[in-house]
Amino acid sequence: MTQTLIIFGIVFLVGILLVFYKYQHRQKLHDNVDQLKSVIRQIFEEAEKPAISQNRLIKGLKQHLGINEKMALKLIGKARHEDLIEIESLDFKKMGKMQYRKKFE
């Protein structure tokens, strides 16, 4: 009985540590503006366009940072708040697509 309890405790502790690591990793991504700026620069360089769609920006953030779509949307909001990107056009007639343009060089 005690061996089972010890093994369960170790597995539970490892699970808690993984959840804490994931939380810390996401917080670090959200707080690091310089890293976000460099990733956004890479995404715009790969697109070779002055403005890209929101879907393209989400896919780029997911690819470069290894995050999910919800976190990518949060990072887009952070980038807009830090004046790294801005909305170029709201074209709701064409399926609600947004175009973003970077504000730095």
PDB file of N, CA and C in Angstrom:
ATOM      1  N   MET A   1       0.814  -1.199   0.000  1.00  0.00           N
ATOM      2  CA  MET A   1       0.000   0.000   0.000  1.00  0.00           C
ATOM      3  C   MET A   1       0.859   1.264   0.000  1.00  0.00           C
ATOM      4  N   THR A   2       1.933   1.263   0.720  1.00  0.00           N
ATOM      5  CA  THR A   2       2.761   2.471   0.792  1.00  0.00           C
ATOM      6  C   THR A   2       3.508   2.713  -0.516  1.00  0.00           C
ATOM      7  N   GLN A   3       3.918   1.647  -1.219  1.00  0.00           N
ATOM      8  CA  GLN A   3       4.583   1.835  -2.508  1.00  0.00           C
ATOM      9  C   GLN A   3       3.635   2.468  -3.521  1.00  0.00           C
ATOM     10  N   THR A   4       2.398   2.022  -3.538  1.00  0.00           N
ATOM     11  CA  THR A   4       1.400   2.588  -4.440  1.00  0.00           C
ATOM     12  C   THR A   4       1.168   4.057  -4.108  1.00  0.00           C
ATOM     13  N   LEU A   5       1.106   4.371  -2.848  1.00  0.00           N
ATOM     14  CA  LEU A   5       0.902   5.747  -2.423  1.00  0.00           C
ATOM     15  C   LEU A   5       2.089   6.636  -2.802  1.00  0.00           C
ATOM     16  N   ILE A   6       3.296   6.105  -2.663  1.00  0.00           N
ATOM     17  CA  ILE A   6       4.495   6.867  -3.036  1.00  0.00           C
ATOM     18  C   ILE A   6       4.534   7.101  -4.546  1.00  0.00           C
ATOM     19  N   ILE A   7       4.242   6.089  -5.332  1.00  0.00           N
ATOM     20  CA  ILE A   7       4.232   6.233  -6.794  1.00  0.00           C
ATOM     21  C   ILE A   7       3.162   7.232  -7.223  1.00  0.00           C
ATOM     22  N   PHE A   8       1.962   7.145  -6.623  1.00  0.00           N
ATOM     23  CA  PHE A   8       0.900   8.101  -6.946  1.00  0.00           C
ATOM     24  C   PHE A   8       1.332   9.517  -6.578  1.00  0.00           C
ATOM     25  N   GLY A   9       1.973   9.686  -5.451  1.00  0.00           N
ATOM     26  CA  GLY A   9       2.450  11.006  -5.020  1.00  0.00           C
ATOM     27  C   GLY A   9       3.475  11.574  -5.978  1.00  0.00           C
ATOM     28  N   ILE A  10       4.398  10.732  -6.462  1.00  0.00           N
ATOM     29  CA  ILE A  10       5.424  11.183  -7.404  1.00  0.00           C
ATOM     30  C   ILE A  10       4.789  11.596  -8.730  1.00  0.00           C
ATOM     31  N   VAL A  11       3.856  10.794  -9.231  1.00  0.00           N
ATOM     32  CA  VAL A  11       3.175  11.126 -10.487  1.00  0.00           C
ATOM     33  C   VAL A  11       2.383  12.421 -10.334  1.00  0.00           C
ATOM     34  N   PHE A  12       1.720  12.591  -9.202  1.00  0.00           N
ATOM     35  CA  PHE A  12       0.967  13.817  -8.936  1.00  0.00           C
ATOM     36  C   PHE A  12       1.900  15.024  -8.883  1.00  0.00           C
ATOM     37  N   LEU A  13       3.043  14.892  -8.224  1.00  0.00           N
ATOM     38  CA  LEU A  13       4.011  15.980  -8.124  1.00  0.00           C
ATOM     39  C   LEU A  13       4.573  16.354  -9.489  1.00  0.00           C
ATOM     40  N   VAL A  14       4.882  15.366 -10.325  1.00  0.00           N
ATOM     41  CA  VAL A  14       5.380  15.641 -11.679  1.00  0.00           C
ATOM     42  C   VAL A  14       4.312  16.365 -12.496  1.00  0.00           C
ATOM     43  N   GLY A  15       3.064  15.968 -12.342  1.00  0.00           N
ATOM     44  CA  GLY A  15       1.972  16.647 -13.046  1.00  0.00           C
ATOM     45  C   GLY A  15       1.845  18.103 -12.620  1.00  0.00           C
ATOM     46  N   ILE A  16       1.928  18.354 -11.338  1.00  0.00           N
ATOM     47  CA  ILE A  16       1.870  19.733 -10.831  1.00  0.00           C
ATOM     48  C   ILE A  16       3.038  20.549 -11.375  1.00  0.00           C
ATOM     49  N   LEU A  17       4.229  19.976 -11.414  1.00  0.00           N
ATOM     50  CA  LEU A  17       5.404  20.677 -11.931  1.00  0.00           C
ATOM     51  C   LEU A  17       5.261  21.003 -13.410  1.00  0.00           C
ATOM     52  N   LEU A  18       4.687  20.093 -14.189  1.00  0.00           N
ATOM     53  CA  LEU A  18       4.468  20.359 -15.617  1.00  0.00           C
ATOM     54  C   LEU A  18       3.469  21.494 -15.839  1.00  0.00           C
ATOM     55  N   VAL A  19       2.416  21.513 -15.062  1.00  0.00           N
ATOM     56  CA  VAL A  19       1.431  22.602 -15.170  1.00  0.00           C
ATOM     57  C   VAL A  19       2.082  23.929 -14.807  1.00  0.00           C
ATOM     58  N   PHE A  20       2.887  23.949 -13.748  1.00  0.00           N
ATOM     59  CA  PHE A  20       3.572  25.174 -13.337  1.00  0.00           C
ATOM     60  C   PHE A  20       4.563  25.636 -14.402  1.00  0.00           C
ATOM     61  N   TYR A  21       5.295  24.688 -15.005  1.00  0.00           N
ATOM     62  CA  TYR A  21       6.241  25.036 -16.069  1.00  0.00           C
ATOM     63  C   TYR A  21       5.523  25.652 -17.263  1.00  0.00           C
ATOM     64  N   LYS A  22       4.403  25.069 -17.658  1.00  0.00           N
ATOM     65  CA  LYS A  22       3.650  25.591 -18.799  1.00  0.00           C
ATOM     66  C   LYS A  22       3.136  26.997 -18.501  1.00  0.00           C
ATOM     67  N   TYR A  23       2.659  27.235 -17.287  1.00  0.00           N
ATOM     68  CA  TYR A  23       2.183  28.556 -16.897  1.00  0.00           C
ATOM     69  C   TYR A  23       3.322  29.574 -16.948  1.00  0.00           C
ATOM     70  N   GLN A  24       4.476  29.223 -16.407  1.00  0.00           N
ATOM     71  CA  GLN A  24       5.626  30.120 -16.401  1.00  0.00           C
ATOM     72  C   GLN A  24       6.094  30.427 -17.823  1.00  0.00           C
ATOM     73  N   HIS A  25       6.092  29.413 -18.683  1.00  0.00           N
ATOM     74  CA  HIS A  25       6.507  29.588 -20.073  1.00  0.00           C
ATOM     75  C   HIS A  25       5.587  30.586 -20.781  1.00  0.00           C
ATOM     76  N   ARG A  26       4.294  30.449 -20.580  1.00  0.00           N
ATOM     77  CA  ARG A  26       3.342  31.360 -21.221  1.00  0.00           C
ATOM     78  C   ARG A  26       3.482  32.770 -20.678  1.00  0.00           C
ATOM     79  N   GLN A  27       3.707  32.901 -19.388  1.00  0.00           N
ATOM     80  CA  GLN A  27       3.883  34.232 -18.809  1.00  0.00           C
ATOM     81  C   GLN A  27       5.147  34.885 -19.360  1.00  0.00           C
ATOM     82  N   LYS A  28       6.206  34.103 -19.527  1.00  0.00           N
ATOM     83  CA  LYS A  28       7.451  34.635 -20.066  1.00  0.00           C
ATOM     84  C   LYS A  28       7.252  35.115 -21.502  1.00  0.00           C
ATOM     85  N   LEU A  29       6.492  34.361 -22.297  1.00  0.00           N
ATOM     86  CA  LEU A  29       6.201  34.780 -23.667  1.00  0.00           C
ATOM     87  C   LEU A  29       5.400  36.078 -23.677  1.00  0.00           C
ATOM     88  N   HIS A  30       4.458  36.197 -22.776  1.00  0.00           N
ATOM     89  CA  HIS A  30       3.595  37.370 -22.767  1.00  0.00           C
ATOM     90  C   HIS A  30       4.328  38.612 -22.279  1.00  0.00           C
ATOM     91  N   ASP A  31       5.328  38.447 -21.431  1.00  0.00           N
ATOM     92  CA  ASP A  31       6.048  39.590 -20.870  1.00  0.00           C
ATOM     93  C   ASP A  31       7.246  40.020 -21.707  1.00  0.00           C
ATOM     94  N   ASN A  32       7.747  39.167 -22.588  1.00  0.00           N
ATOM     95  CA  ASN A  32       8.960  39.461 -23.345  1.00  0.00           C
ATOM     96  C   ASN A  32       8.608  40.168 -24.661  1.00  0.00           C
ATOM     97  N   VAL A  33       8.622  41.485 -24.640  1.00  0.00           N
ATOM     98  CA  VAL A  33       8.234  42.285 -25.802  1.00  0.00           C
ATOM     99  C   VAL A  33       9.288  42.191 -26.910  1.00  0.00           C
ATOM    100  N   ASP A  34      10.570  42.107 -26.539  1.00  0.00           N
ATOM    101  CA  ASP A  34      11.626  42.026 -27.553  1.00  0.00           C
ATOM    102  C   ASP A  34      11.520  40.743 -28.377  1.00  0.00           C
ATOM    103  N   GLN A  35      11.214  39.624 -27.717  1.00  0.00           N
ATOM    104  CA  GLN A  35      11.048  38.371 -28.440  1.00  0.00           C
ATOM    105  C   GLN A  35       9.831  38.452 -29.361  1.00  0.00           C
ATOM    106  N   LEU A  36       8.753  39.036 -28.871  1.00  0.00           N
ATOM    107  CA  LEU A  36       7.550  39.189 -29.683  1.00  0.00           C
ATOM    108  C   LEU A  36       7.833  40.061 -30.904  1.00  0.00           C
ATOM    109  N   LYS A  37       8.602  41.115 -30.713  1.00  0.00           N
ATOM    110  CA  LYS A  37       8.959  42.002 -31.823  1.00  0.00           C
ATOM    111  C   LYS A  37       9.779  41.264 -32.872  1.00  0.00           C
ATOM    112  N   SER A  38      10.728  40.449 -32.440  1.00  0.00           N
ATOM    113  CA  SER A  38      11.553  39.720 -33.410  1.00  0.00           C
ATOM    114  C   SER A  38      10.743  38.667 -34.162  1.00  0.00           C
ATOM    115  N   VAL A  39       9.811  38.016 -33.487  1.00  0.00           N
ATOM    116  CA  VAL A  39       8.967  37.012 -34.151  1.00  0.00           C
ATOM    117  C   VAL A  39       8.043  37.691 -35.159  1.00  0.00           C
ATOM    118  N   ILE A  40       7.473  38.820 -34.791  1.00  0.00           N
ATOM    119  CA  ILE A  40       6.600  39.548 -35.727  1.00  0.00           C
ATOM    120  C   ILE A  40       7.410  40.018 -36.934  1.00  0.00           C
ATOM    121  N   ARG A  41       8.633  40.473 -36.712  1.00  0.00           N
ATOM    122  CA  ARG A  41       9.509  40.868 -37.824  1.00  0.00           C
ATOM    123  C   ARG A  41       9.736  39.683 -38.773  1.00  0.00           C
ATOM    124  N   GLN A  42      10.004  38.497 -38.216  1.00  0.00           N
ATOM    125  CA  GLN A  42      10.220  37.306 -39.040  1.00  0.00           C
ATOM    126  C   GLN A  42       8.976  36.957 -39.848  1.00  0.00           C
ATOM    127  N   ILE A  43       7.814  37.053 -39.221  1.00  0.00           N
ATOM    128  CA  ILE A  43       6.564  36.702 -39.908  1.00  0.00           C
ATOM    129  C   ILE A  43       6.330  37.642 -41.086  1.00  0.00           C
ATOM    130  N   PHE A  44       6.558  38.939 -40.896  1.00  0.00           N
ATOM    131  CA  PHE A  44       6.366  39.896 -41.991  1.00  0.00           C
ATOM    132  C   PHE A  44       7.429  39.715 -43.078  1.00  0.00           C
ATOM    133  N   GLU A  45       8.664  39.354 -42.696  1.00  0.00           N
ATOM    134  CA  GLU A  45       9.700  39.108 -43.704  1.00  0.00           C
ATOM    135  C   GLU A  45       9.372  37.878 -44.533  1.00  0.00           C
ATOM    136  N   GLU A  46       8.838  36.834 -43.898  1.00  0.00           N
ATOM    137  CA  GLU A  46       8.461  35.629 -44.633  1.00  0.00           C
ATOM    138  C   GLU A  46       7.306  35.906 -45.589  1.00  0.00           C
ATOM    139  N   ALA A  47       6.381  36.763 -45.187  1.00  0.00           N
ATOM    140  CA  ALA A  47       5.227  37.080 -46.036  1.00  0.00           C
ATOM    141  C   ALA A  47       5.616  37.999 -47.190  1.00  0.00           C
ATOM    142  N   GLU A  48       6.655  38.795 -47.010  1.00  0.00           N
ATOM    143  CA  GLU A  48       7.130  39.746 -48.019  1.00  0.00           C
ATOM    144  C   GLU A  48       6.042  40.714 -48.464  1.00  0.00           C
ATOM    145  N   LYS A  49       5.192  41.111 -47.527  1.00  0.00           N
ATOM    146  CA  LYS A  49       4.123  42.063 -47.798  1.00  0.00           C
ATOM    147  C   LYS A  49       4.086  43.070 -46.655  1.00  0.00           C
ATOM    148  N   PRO A  50       3.621  44.279 -46.932  1.00  0.00           N
ATOM    149  CA  PRO A  50       3.525  45.261 -45.842  1.00  0.00           C
ATOM    150  C   PRO A  50       2.371  44.981 -44.881  1.00  0.00           C
ATOM    151  N   ALA A  51       1.360  44.240 -45.326  1.00  0.00           N
ATOM    152  CA  ALA A  51       0.214  43.913 -44.474  1.00  0.00           C
ATOM    153  C   ALA A  51      -0.127  42.441 -44.650  1.00  0.00           C
ATOM    154  N   ILE A  52      -0.460  41.791 -43.544  1.00  0.00           N
ATOM    155  CA  ILE A  52      -0.838  40.378 -43.593  1.00  0.00           C
ATOM    156  C   ILE A  52      -2.149  40.188 -42.846  1.00  0.00           C
ATOM    157  N   SER A  53      -2.807  39.081 -43.151  1.00  0.00           N
ATOM    158  CA  SER A  53      -4.096  38.808 -42.522  1.00  0.00           C
ATOM    159  C   SER A  53      -3.899  38.301 -41.095  1.00  0.00           C
ATOM    160  N   GLN A  54      -4.975  38.362 -40.337  1.00  0.00           N
ATOM    161  CA  GLN A  54      -4.927  37.885 -38.954  1.00  0.00           C
ATOM    162  C   GLN A  54      -4.635  36.387 -38.914  1.00  0.00           C
ATOM    163  N   ASN A  55      -5.208  35.633 -39.845  1.00  0.00           N
ATOM    164  CA  ASN A  55      -4.962  34.193 -39.866  1.00  0.00           C
ATOM    165  C   ASN A  55      -3.488  33.887 -40.118  1.00  0.00           C
ATOM    166  N   ARG A  56      -2.878  34.634 -41.017  1.00  0.00           N
ATOM    167  CA  ARG A  56      -1.449  34.438 -41.310  1.00  0.00           C
ATOM    168  C   ARG A  56      -0.592  34.778 -40.089  1.00  0.00           C
ATOM    169  N   LEU A  57      -0.971  35.821 -39.370  1.00  0.00           N
ATOM    170  CA  LEU A  57      -0.241  36.214 -38.171  1.00  0.00           C
ATOM    171  C   LEU A  57      -0.392  35.163 -37.077  1.00  0.00           C
ATOM    172  N   ILE A  58      -1.586  34.627 -36.913  1.00  0.00           N
ATOM    173  CA  ILE A  58      -1.814  33.575 -35.911  1.00  0.00           C
ATOM    174  C   ILE A  58      -1.003  32.340 -36.257  1.00  0.00           C
ATOM    175  N   LYS A  59      -1.033  31.924 -37.530  1.00  0.00           N
ATOM    176  CA  LYS A  59      -0.269  30.747 -37.945  1.00  0.00           C
ATOM    177  C   LYS A  59       1.224  30.951 -37.733  1.00  0.00           C
ATOM    178  N   GLY A  60       1.719  32.147 -38.019  1.00  0.00           N
ATOM    179  CA  GLY A  60       3.136  32.435 -37.813  1.00  0.00           C
ATOM    180  C   GLY A  60       3.531  32.386 -36.349  1.00  0.00           C
ATOM    181  N   LEU A  61       2.701  32.960 -35.483  1.00  0.00           N
ATOM    182  CA  LEU A  61       2.992  32.914 -34.055  1.00  0.00           C
ATOM    183  C   LEU A  61       2.952  31.485 -33.530  1.00  0.00           C
ATOM    184  N   LYS A  62       1.973  30.719 -33.992  1.00  0.00           N
ATOM    185  CA  LYS A  62       1.884  29.325 -33.569  1.00  0.00           C
ATOM    186  C   LYS A  62       3.111  28.541 -34.018  1.00  0.00           C
ATOM    187  N   GLN A  63       3.562  28.781 -35.231  1.00  0.00           N
ATOM    188  CA  GLN A  63       4.702  28.051 -35.771  1.00  0.00           C
ATOM    189  C   GLN A  63       5.999  28.440 -35.068  1.00  0.00           C
ATOM    190  N   HIS A  64       6.241  29.724 -34.886  1.00  0.00           N
ATOM    191  CA  HIS A  64       7.505  30.186 -34.333  1.00  0.00           C
ATOM    192  C   HIS A  64       7.617  29.994 -32.826  1.00  0.00           C
ATOM    193  N   LEU A  65       6.495  30.079 -32.125  1.00  0.00           N
ATOM    194  CA  LEU A  65       6.544  30.009 -30.675  1.00  0.00           C
ATOM    195  C   LEU A  65       6.007  28.704 -30.097  1.00  0.00           C
ATOM    196  N   GLY A  66       5.354  27.909 -30.924  1.00  0.00           N
ATOM    197  CA  GLY A  66       4.831  26.629 -30.443  1.00  0.00           C
ATOM    198  C   GLY A  66       3.700  26.809 -29.440  1.00  0.00           C
ATOM    199  N   ILE A  67       2.766  27.683 -29.739  1.00  0.00           N
ATOM    200  CA  ILE A  67       1.660  27.970 -28.836  1.00  0.00           C
ATOM    201  C   ILE A  67       0.349  27.639 -29.513  1.00  0.00           C
ATOM    202  N   ASN A  68      -0.744  27.708 -28.739  1.00  0.00           N
ATOM    203  CA  ASN A  68      -2.049  27.444 -29.334  1.00  0.00           C
ATOM    204  C   ASN A  68      -2.672  28.741 -29.843  1.00  0.00           C
ATOM    205  N   GLU A  69      -3.840  28.631 -30.455  1.00  0.00           N
ATOM    206  CA  GLU A  69      -4.470  29.782 -31.090  1.00  0.00           C
ATOM    207  C   GLU A  69      -4.899  30.836 -30.073  1.00  0.00           C
ATOM    208  N   LYS A  70      -5.366  30.393 -28.922  1.00  0.00           N
ATOM    209  CA  LYS A  70      -5.801  31.335 -27.887  1.00  0.00           C
ATOM    210  C   LYS A  70      -4.636  32.203 -27.411  1.00  0.00           C
ATOM    211  N   MET A  71      -3.479  31.589 -27.203  1.00  0.00           N
ATOM    212  CA  MET A  71      -2.306  32.349 -26.764  1.00  0.00           C
ATOM    213  C   MET A  71      -1.823  33.263 -27.887  1.00  0.00           C
ATOM    214  N   ALA A  72      -1.935  32.816 -29.134  1.00  0.00           N
ATOM    215  CA  ALA A  72      -1.545  33.662 -30.269  1.00  0.00           C
ATOM    216  C   ALA A  72      -2.413  34.910 -30.331  1.00  0.00           C
ATOM    217  N   LEU A  73      -3.709  34.766 -30.079  1.00  0.00           N
ATOM    218  CA  LEU A  73      -4.599  35.927 -30.066  1.00  0.00           C
ATOM    219  C   LEU A  73      -4.246  36.877 -28.921  1.00  0.00           C
ATOM    220  N   LYS A  74      -3.872  36.319 -27.779  1.00  0.00           N
ATOM    221  CA  LYS A  74      -3.442  37.157 -26.656  1.00  0.00           C
ATOM    222  C   LYS A  74      -2.170  37.926 -27.014  1.00  0.00           C
ATOM    223  N   LEU A  75      -1.257  37.260 -27.707  1.00  0.00           N
ATOM    224  CA  LEU A  75      -0.021  37.933 -28.104  1.00  0.00           C
ATOM    225  C   LEU A  75      -0.268  39.004 -29.160  1.00  0.00           C
ATOM    226  N   ILE A  76      -1.250  38.801 -30.025  1.00  0.00           N
ATOM    227  CA  ILE A  76      -1.613  39.845 -30.988  1.00  0.00           C
ATOM    228  C   ILE A  76      -2.143  41.063 -30.240  1.00  0.00           C
ATOM    229  N   GLY A  77      -2.959  40.819 -29.231  1.00  0.00           N
ATOM    230  CA  GLY A  77      -3.440  41.922 -28.409  1.00  0.00           C
ATOM    231  C   GLY A  77      -2.310  42.636 -27.694  1.00  0.00           C
ATOM    232  N   LYS A  78      -1.344  41.865 -27.187  1.00  0.00           N
ATOM    233  CA  LYS A  78      -0.177  42.461 -26.527  1.00  0.00           C
ATOM    234  C   LYS A  78       0.629  43.292 -27.522  1.00  0.00           C
ATOM    235  N   ALA A  79       0.802  42.782 -28.750  1.00  0.00           N
ATOM    236  CA  ALA A  79       1.554  43.499 -29.773  1.00  0.00           C
ATOM    237  C   ALA A  79       0.844  44.791 -30.159  1.00  0.00           C
ATOM    238  N   ARG A  80      -0.474  44.770 -30.228  1.00  0.00           N
ATOM    239  CA  ARG A  80      -1.220  45.995 -30.524  1.00  0.00           C
ATOM    240  C   ARG A  80      -1.092  46.993 -29.378  1.00  0.00           C
ATOM    241  N   HIS A  81      -1.122  46.498 -28.148  1.00  0.00           N
ATOM    242  CA  HIS A  81      -0.993  47.364 -26.975  1.00  0.00           C
ATOM    243  C   HIS A  81       0.392  48.007 -26.906  1.00  0.00           C
ATOM    244  N   GLU A  82       1.422  47.270 -27.322  1.00  0.00           N
ATOM    245  CA  GLU A  82       2.798  47.777 -27.299  1.00  0.00           C
ATOM    246  C   GLU A  82       3.152  48.545 -28.576  1.00  0.00           C
ATOM    247  N   ASP A  83       2.182  48.767 -29.454  1.00  0.00           N
ATOM    248  CA  ASP A  83       2.371  49.490 -30.722  1.00  0.00           C
ATOM    249  C   ASP A  83       3.389  48.820 -31.645  1.00  0.00           C
ATOM    250  N   LEU A  84       3.376  47.496 -31.683  1.00  0.00           N
ATOM    251  CA  LEU A  84       4.217  46.763 -32.624  1.00  0.00           C
ATOM    252  C   LEU A  84       3.496  46.549 -33.950  1.00  0.00           C
ATOM    253  N   ILE A  85       2.176  46.380 -33.873  1.00  0.00           N
ATOM    254  CA  ILE A  85       1.361  46.209 -35.075  1.00  0.00           C
ATOM    255  C   ILE A  85       0.129  47.087 -34.945  1.00  0.00           C
ATOM    256  N   GLU A  86      -0.507  47.332 -36.073  1.00  0.00           N
ATOM    257  CA  GLU A  86      -1.763  48.073 -36.073  1.00  0.00           C
ATOM    258  C   GLU A  86      -2.681  47.477 -37.127  1.00  0.00           C
ATOM    259  N   ILE A  87      -3.952  47.712 -36.965  1.00  0.00           N
ATOM    260  CA  ILE A  87      -4.934  47.219 -37.930  1.00  0.00           C
ATOM    261  C   ILE A  87      -4.896  48.129 -39.145  1.00  0.00           C
ATOM    262  N   GLU A  88      -4.669  47.522 -40.299  1.00  0.00           N
ATOM    263  CA  GLU A  88      -4.649  48.307 -41.527  1.00  0.00           C
ATOM    264  C   GLU A  88      -6.042  48.483 -42.092  1.00  0.00           C
ATOM    265  N   SER A  89      -6.790  47.393 -42.168  1.00  0.00           N
ATOM    266  CA  SER A  89      -8.145  47.516 -42.714  1.00  0.00           C
ATOM    267  C   SER A  89      -9.051  46.481 -42.075  1.00  0.00           C
ATOM    268  N   LEU A  90     -10.263  46.897 -41.864  1.00  0.00           N
ATOM    269  CA  LEU A  90     -11.305  45.984 -41.404  1.00  0.00           C
ATOM    270  C   LEU A  90     -12.223  45.746 -42.589  1.00  0.00           C
ATOM    271  N   ASP A  91     -12.136  44.593 -43.181  1.00  0.00           N
ATOM    272  CA  ASP A  91     -12.942  44.297 -44.354  1.00  0.00           C
ATOM    273  C   ASP A  91     -13.968  43.231 -43.972  1.00  0.00           C
ATOM    274  N   PHE A  92     -15.039  43.662 -43.332  1.00  0.00           N
ATOM    275  CA  PHE A  92     -16.034  42.711 -42.848  1.00  0.00           C
ATOM    276  C   PHE A  92     -16.925  42.178 -43.957  1.00  0.00           C
ATOM    277  N   LYS A  93     -16.907  42.808 -45.105  1.00  0.00           N
ATOM    278  CA  LYS A  93     -17.709  42.308 -46.203  1.00  0.00           C
ATOM    279  C   LYS A  93     -17.125  41.019 -46.771  1.00  0.00           C
ATOM    280  N   LYS A  94     -15.830  40.852 -46.644  1.00  0.00           N
ATOM    281  CA  LYS A  94     -15.181  39.644 -47.154  1.00  0.00           C
ATOM    282  C   LYS A  94     -14.870  38.712 -45.995  1.00  0.00           C
ATOM    283  N   MET A  95     -15.893  38.170 -45.370  1.00  0.00           N
ATOM    284  CA  MET A  95     -15.793  37.148 -44.330  1.00  0.00           C
ATOM    285  C   MET A  95     -15.074  37.637 -43.067  1.00  0.00           C
ATOM    286  N   GLY A  96     -15.123  38.896 -42.757  1.00  0.00           N
ATOM    287  CA  GLY A  96     -14.592  39.405 -41.504  1.00  0.00           C
ATOM    288  C   GLY A  96     -13.091  39.329 -41.362  1.00  0.00           C
ATOM    289  N   LYS A  97     -12.348  39.522 -42.422  1.00  0.00           N
ATOM    290  CA  LYS A  97     -10.888  39.432 -42.358  1.00  0.00           C
ATOM    291  C   LYS A  97     -10.291  40.763 -41.924  1.00  0.00           C
ATOM    292  N   MET A  98      -9.239  40.683 -41.115  1.00  0.00           N
ATOM    293  CA  MET A  98      -8.512  41.866 -40.688  1.00  0.00           C
ATOM    294  C   MET A  98      -7.107  41.811 -41.256  1.00  0.00           C
ATOM    295  N   GLN A  99      -6.569  42.948 -41.597  1.00  0.00           N
ATOM    296  CA  GLN A  99      -5.203  43.059 -42.082  1.00  0.00           C
ATOM    297  C   GLN A  99      -4.397  43.840 -41.044  1.00  0.00           C
ATOM    298  N   TYR A 100      -3.203  43.313 -40.719  1.00  0.00           N
ATOM    299  CA  TYR A 100      -2.328  43.975 -39.772  1.00  0.00           C
ATOM    300  C   TYR A 100      -1.076  44.476 -40.493  1.00  0.00           C
ATOM    301  N   ARG A 101      -0.542  45.570 -39.992  1.00  0.00           N
ATOM    302  CA  ARG A 101       0.681  46.149 -40.527  1.00  0.00           C
ATOM    303  C   ARG A 101       1.589  46.437 -39.346  1.00  0.00           C
ATOM    304  N   LYS A 102       2.899  46.166 -39.500  1.00  0.00           N
ATOM    305  CA  LYS A 102       3.822  46.433 -38.401  1.00  0.00           C
ATOM    306  C   LYS A 102       4.143  47.917 -38.335  1.00  0.00           C
ATOM    307  N   LYS A 103       4.428  48.383 -37.130  1.00  0.00           N
ATOM    308  CA  LYS A 103       4.659  49.815 -36.923  1.00  0.00           C
ATOM    309  C   LYS A 103       6.128  50.132 -36.635  1.00  0.00           C
ATOM    310  N   PHE A 104       7.001  49.161 -36.771  1.00  0.00           N
ATOM    311  CA  PHE A 104       8.426  49.392 -36.484  1.00  0.00           C
ATOM    312  C   PHE A 104       9.244  48.948 -37.664  1.00  0.00           C
ATOM    313  N   GLU A 105      10.513  49.302 -37.672  1.00  0.00           N
ATOM    314  CA  GLU A 105      11.420  48.894 -38.752  1.00  0.00           C
ATOM    315  C   GLU A 105      12.553  48.091 -38.236  1.00  0.00           C
TER     316      GLU A 105
END
